[in-house]
PDB file of N, CA and C in Angstrom:
ATOM      1  N   MET A   1     -12.528   1.474 -38.648  1.00  0.00           N
ATOM      2  CA  MET A   1     -12.060   0.912 -37.140  1.00  0.00           C
ATOM      3  C   MET A   1     -10.647   1.514 -37.222  1.00  0.00           C
ATOM      4  N   THR A   2     -10.298   1.896 -36.085  1.00  0.00           N
ATOM      5  CA  THR A   2      -8.903   2.272 -35.579  1.00  0.00           C
ATOM      6  C   THR A   2      -8.347   1.146 -34.920  1.00  0.00           C
ATOM      7  N   ARG A   3      -6.910   1.064 -35.242  1.00  0.00           N
ATOM      8  CA  ARG A   3      -6.293   0.157 -34.379  1.00  0.00           C
ATOM      9  C   ARG A   3      -5.241   0.810 -33.466  1.00  0.00           C
ATOM     10  N   ARG A   4      -5.463   0.387 -32.134  1.00  0.00           N
ATOM     11  CA  ARG A   4      -4.817   1.051 -31.013  1.00  0.00           C
ATOM     12  C   ARG A   4      -3.851   0.107 -30.297  1.00  0.00           C
ATOM     13  N   TYR A   5      -2.789   0.353 -29.911  1.00  0.00           N
ATOM     14  CA  TYR A   5      -1.850  -0.362 -28.860  1.00  0.00           C
ATOM     15  C   TYR A   5      -1.542   0.627 -27.713  1.00  0.00           C
ATOM     16  N   ILE A   6      -2.132   0.102 -26.591  1.00  0.00           N
ATOM     17  CA  ILE A   6      -2.178   0.877 -25.292  1.00  0.00           C
ATOM     18  C   ILE A   6      -1.441   0.228 -24.340  1.00  0.00           C
ATOM     19  N   THR A   7      -0.471   0.916 -23.717  1.00  0.00           N
ATOM     20  CA  THR A   7       0.450   0.287 -22.812  1.00  0.00           C
ATOM     21  C   THR A   7       0.533   1.042 -21.695  1.00  0.00           C
ATOM     22  N   THR A   8       0.980   0.515 -20.391  1.00  0.00           N
ATOM     23  CA  THR A   8       1.140   1.333 -19.137  1.00  0.00           C
ATOM     24  C   THR A   8       2.867   1.451 -18.918  1.00  0.00           C
ATOM     25  N   ALA A   9       3.075   2.200 -17.987  1.00  0.00           N
ATOM     26  CA  ALA A   9       4.580   2.064 -17.640  1.00  0.00           C
ATOM     27  C   ALA A   9       5.083   0.918 -16.687  1.00  0.00           C
ATOM     28  N   ILE A  10       6.247   0.708 -16.817  1.00  0.00           N
ATOM     29  CA  ILE A  10       6.924  -0.352 -15.888  1.00  0.00           C
ATOM     30  C   ILE A  10       6.803  -0.027 -14.321  1.00  0.00           C
ATOM     31  N   ASP A  11       6.511  -0.705 -13.523  1.00  0.00           N
ATOM     32  CA  ASP A  11       6.461  -0.595 -12.105  1.00  0.00           C
ATOM     33  C   ASP A  11       7.891  -0.774 -11.576  1.00  0.00           C
ATOM     34  N   TYR A  12       8.446   0.143 -10.970  1.00  0.00           N
ATOM     35  CA  TYR A  12       9.793  -0.130 -10.374  1.00  0.00           C
ATOM     36  C   TYR A  12       9.851  -0.615  -9.134  1.00  0.00           C
ATOM     37  N   PRO A  13      10.466  -1.522  -8.433  1.00  0.00           N
ATOM     38  CA  PRO A  13      10.453  -2.026  -7.351  1.00  0.00           C
ATOM     39  C   PRO A  13      11.388  -1.312  -6.238  1.00  0.00           C
ATOM     40  N   ASN A  14      11.500   0.010  -6.342  1.00  0.00           N
ATOM     41  CA  ASN A  14      12.168   0.649  -5.408  1.00  0.00           C
ATOM     42  C   ASN A  14      11.323   1.154  -4.192  1.00  0.00           C
ATOM     43  N   ALA A  15      10.199   1.128  -4.164  1.00  0.00           N
ATOM     44  CA  ALA A  15       9.096   1.359  -2.989  1.00  0.00           C
ATOM     45  C   ALA A  15       7.998   0.407  -3.109  1.00  0.00           C
ATOM     46  N   ALA A  16       7.233   0.550  -2.175  1.00  0.00           N
ATOM     47  CA  ALA A  16       6.029  -0.127  -1.989  1.00  0.00           C
ATOM     48  C   ALA A  16       4.966   0.264  -3.106  1.00  0.00           C
ATOM     49  N   PRO A  17       4.267  -0.630  -3.655  1.00  0.00           N
ATOM     50  CA  PRO A  17       3.025   0.045  -4.754  1.00  0.00           C
ATOM     51  C   PRO A  17       2.150   0.926  -3.977  1.00  0.00           C
ATOM     52  N   HIS A  18       1.627   1.894  -4.740  1.00  0.00           N
ATOM     53  CA  HIS A  18       0.913   2.722  -4.159  1.00  0.00           C
ATOM     54  C   HIS A  18      -0.380   3.006  -5.201  1.00  0.00           C
ATOM     55  N   MET A  19      -1.294   3.802  -4.756  1.00  0.00           N
ATOM     56  CA  MET A  19      -2.490   4.136  -5.659  1.00  0.00           C
ATOM     57  C   MET A  19      -2.218   4.591  -7.019  1.00  0.00           C
ATOM     58  N   GLY A  20      -1.219   5.332  -7.186  1.00  0.00           N
ATOM     59  CA  GLY A  20      -0.624   5.901  -8.490  1.00  0.00           C
ATOM     60  C   GLY A  20      -0.634   4.801  -9.431  1.00  0.00           C
ATOM     61  N   HIS A  21       0.017   3.608  -8.965  1.00  0.00           N
ATOM     62  CA  HIS A  21       0.118   2.377  -9.814  1.00  0.00           C
ATOM     63  C   HIS A  21      -1.201   2.007 -10.240  1.00  0.00           C
ATOM     64  N   VAL A  22      -2.238   1.846  -9.265  1.00  0.00           N
ATOM     65  CA  VAL A  22      -3.442   1.336  -9.605  1.00  0.00           C
ATOM     66  C   VAL A  22      -4.118   2.312 -10.392  1.00  0.00           C
ATOM     67  N   LEU A  23      -4.270   3.533 -10.322  1.00  0.00           N
ATOM     68  CA  LEU A  23      -4.850   4.452 -10.884  1.00  0.00           C
ATOM     69  C   LEU A  23      -4.346   4.379 -12.581  1.00  0.00           C
ATOM     70  N   GLU A  24      -3.153   4.347 -12.849  1.00  0.00           N
ATOM     71  CA  GLU A  24      -2.700   4.328 -14.035  1.00  0.00           C
ATOM     72  C   GLU A  24      -3.350   3.087 -15.065  1.00  0.00           C
ATOM     73  N   LYS A  25      -3.096   1.859 -14.078  1.00  0.00           N
ATOM     74  CA  LYS A  25      -3.783   0.722 -14.812  1.00  0.00           C
ATOM     75  C   LYS A  25      -5.271   0.656 -15.136  1.00  0.00           C
ATOM     76  N   VAL A  26      -5.922   1.208 -14.113  1.00  0.00           N
ATOM     77  CA  VAL A  26      -7.343   1.173 -14.069  1.00  0.00           C
ATOM     78  C   VAL A  26      -7.694   2.211 -15.334  1.00  0.00           C
ATOM     79  N   LEU A  27      -7.164   3.335 -15.403  1.00  0.00           N
ATOM     80  CA  LEU A  27      -7.517   4.404 -16.513  1.00  0.00           C
ATOM     81  C   LEU A  27      -7.087   3.753 -17.910  1.00  0.00           C
ATOM     82  N   ALA A  28      -5.986   3.039 -17.874  1.00  0.00           N
ATOM     83  CA  ALA A  28      -5.750   2.453 -19.188  1.00  0.00           C
ATOM     84  C   ALA A  28      -6.641   1.388 -19.688  1.00  0.00           C
ATOM     85  N   ASP A  29      -7.162   0.633 -18.655  1.00  0.00           N
ATOM     86  CA  ASP A  29      -8.121  -0.464 -18.934  1.00  0.00           C
ATOM     87  C   ASP A  29      -9.403   0.290 -19.268  1.00  0.00           C
ATOM     88  N   VAL A  30      -9.875   1.089 -18.774  1.00  0.00           N
ATOM     89  CA  VAL A  30     -11.140   1.772 -18.987  1.00  0.00           C
ATOM     90  C   VAL A  30     -11.092   2.326 -20.395  1.00  0.00           C
ATOM     91  N   TYR A  31     -10.031   3.059 -20.685  1.00  0.00           N
ATOM     92  CA  TYR A  31      -9.762   3.585 -22.108  1.00  0.00           C
ATOM     93  C   TYR A  31      -9.849   2.418 -23.197  1.00  0.00           C
ATOM     94  N   ALA A  32      -9.065   1.397 -23.015  1.00  0.00           N
ATOM     95  CA  ALA A  32      -9.179   0.182 -23.879  1.00  0.00           C
ATOM     96  C   ALA A  32     -10.517  -0.281 -24.008  1.00  0.00           C
ATOM     97  N   ARG A  33     -11.167  -0.595 -22.993  1.00  0.00           N
ATOM     98  CA  ARG A  33     -12.631  -0.856 -23.114  1.00  0.00           C
ATOM     99  C   ARG A  33     -13.525  -0.039 -23.704  1.00  0.00           C
ATOM    100  N   TRP A  34     -13.362   1.240 -23.687  1.00  0.00           N
ATOM    101  CA  TRP A  34     -14.030   2.217 -24.324  1.00  0.00           C
ATOM    102  C   TRP A  34     -13.866   2.297 -25.821  1.00  0.00           C
ATOM    103  N   CYS A  35     -12.595   2.129 -26.111  1.00  0.00           N
ATOM    104  CA  CYS A  35     -12.119   2.033 -27.522  1.00  0.00           C
ATOM    105  C   CYS A  35     -12.685   0.785 -28.279  1.00  0.00           C
ATOM    106  N   ARG A  36     -12.881  -0.270 -27.484  1.00  0.00           N
ATOM    107  CA  ARG A  36     -13.519  -1.604 -28.153  1.00  0.00           C
ATOM    108  C   ARG A  36     -14.823  -1.312 -28.270  1.00  0.00           C
ATOM    109  N   LEU A  37     -15.360  -0.619 -27.343  1.00  0.00           N
ATOM    110  CA  LEU A  37     -17.111  -0.547 -27.482  1.00  0.00           C
ATOM    111  C   LEU A  37     -17.258   0.306 -28.753  1.00  0.00           C
ATOM    112  N   GLN A  38     -16.411   1.381 -29.034  1.00  0.00           N
ATOM    113  CA  GLN A  38     -16.561   2.147 -30.176  1.00  0.00           C
ATOM    114  C   GLN A  38     -16.142   1.479 -31.661  1.00  0.00           C
ATOM    115  N   GLY A  39     -15.685   0.248 -31.452  1.00  0.00           N
ATOM    116  CA  GLY A  39     -15.618  -0.720 -32.720  1.00  0.00           C
ATOM    117  C   GLY A  39     -13.883  -0.724 -32.901  1.00  0.00           C
ATOM    118  N   ASP A  40     -13.052  -0.121 -32.169  1.00  0.00           N
ATOM    119  CA  ASP A  40     -11.669  -0.156 -32.709  1.00  0.00           C
ATOM    120  C   ASP A  40     -11.047  -1.478 -32.136  1.00  0.00           C
ATOM    121  N   GLU A  41      -9.955  -1.918 -33.036  1.00  0.00           N
ATOM    122  CA  GLU A  41      -9.176  -2.941 -32.645  1.00  0.00           C
ATOM    123  C   GLU A  41      -8.047  -2.580 -31.589  1.00  0.00           C
ATOM    124  N   VAL A  42      -8.050  -3.265 -30.301  1.00  0.00           N
ATOM    125  CA  VAL A  42      -7.301  -2.668 -29.380  1.00  0.00           C
ATOM    126  C   VAL A  42      -6.323  -3.965 -28.829  1.00  0.00           C
ATOM    127  N   ARG A  43      -5.023  -3.683 -28.662  1.00  0.00           N
ATOM    128  CA  ARG A  43      -4.333  -4.387 -27.873  1.00  0.00           C
ATOM    129  C   ARG A  43      -3.635  -3.605 -26.707  1.00  0.00           C
ATOM    130  N   PHE A  44      -3.966  -4.145 -25.499  1.00  0.00           N
ATOM    131  CA  PHE A  44      -3.731  -3.578 -24.181  1.00  0.00           C
ATOM    132  C   PHE A  44      -2.705  -4.366 -23.522  1.00  0.00           C
ATOM    133  N   GLN A  45      -1.526  -3.724 -23.329  1.00  0.00           N
ATOM    134  CA  GLN A  45      -0.371  -4.470 -22.746  1.00  0.00           C
ATOM    135  C   GLN A  45       0.005  -3.783 -21.428  1.00  0.00           C
ATOM    136  N   ILE A  46       0.069  -4.413 -20.294  1.00  0.00           N
ATOM    137  CA  ILE A  46       0.631  -3.830 -19.231  1.00  0.00           C
ATOM    138  C   ILE A  46       2.167  -3.808 -19.259  1.00  0.00           C
ATOM    139  N   GLY A  47       2.776  -2.759 -18.805  1.00  0.00           N
ATOM    140  CA  GLY A  47       4.183  -2.697 -18.795  1.00  0.00           C
ATOM    141  C   GLY A  47       4.865  -3.950 -18.022  1.00  0.00           C
ATOM    142  N   THR A  48       5.767  -4.592 -18.579  1.00  0.00           N
ATOM    143  CA  THR A  48       6.520  -5.566 -17.842  1.00  0.00           C
ATOM    144  C   THR A  48       8.094  -5.235 -17.964  1.00  0.00           C
ATOM    145  N   ASP A  49       8.883  -6.006 -17.181  1.00  0.00           N
ATOM    146  CA  ASP A  49      10.208  -5.849 -17.305  1.00  0.00           C
ATOM    147  C   ASP A  49      10.927  -7.268 -17.226  1.00  0.00           C
ATOM    148  N   GLU A  50      11.340  -7.934 -18.512  1.00  0.00           N
ATOM    149  CA  GLU A  50      11.683  -9.200 -18.498  1.00  0.00           C
ATOM    150  C   GLU A  50      13.267  -9.367 -18.067  1.00  0.00           C
ATOM    151  N   HIS A  51      14.055  -8.286 -18.081  1.00  0.00           N
ATOM    152  CA  HIS A  51      15.221  -8.299 -17.754  1.00  0.00           C
ATOM    153  C   HIS A  51      15.808  -7.786 -16.423  1.00  0.00           C
ATOM    154  N   GLY A  52      14.919  -7.531 -15.575  1.00  0.00           N
ATOM    155  CA  GLY A  52      15.247  -7.072 -14.214  1.00  0.00           C
ATOM    156  C   GLY A  52      15.016  -7.681 -13.171  1.00  0.00           C
TER     157      GLY A  52
END
């Protein structure tokens, strides 16, 4: 079993959300789920900004 920590980039509020934001999160989620199906231990954290 492999341990994995998967993250995504922080979304910056300098423009409206677009499909690029969605694509990154969906691909990361799919990869995390696939790794779990392979028996890996996965922590999946979407990028956040607590100080801004």
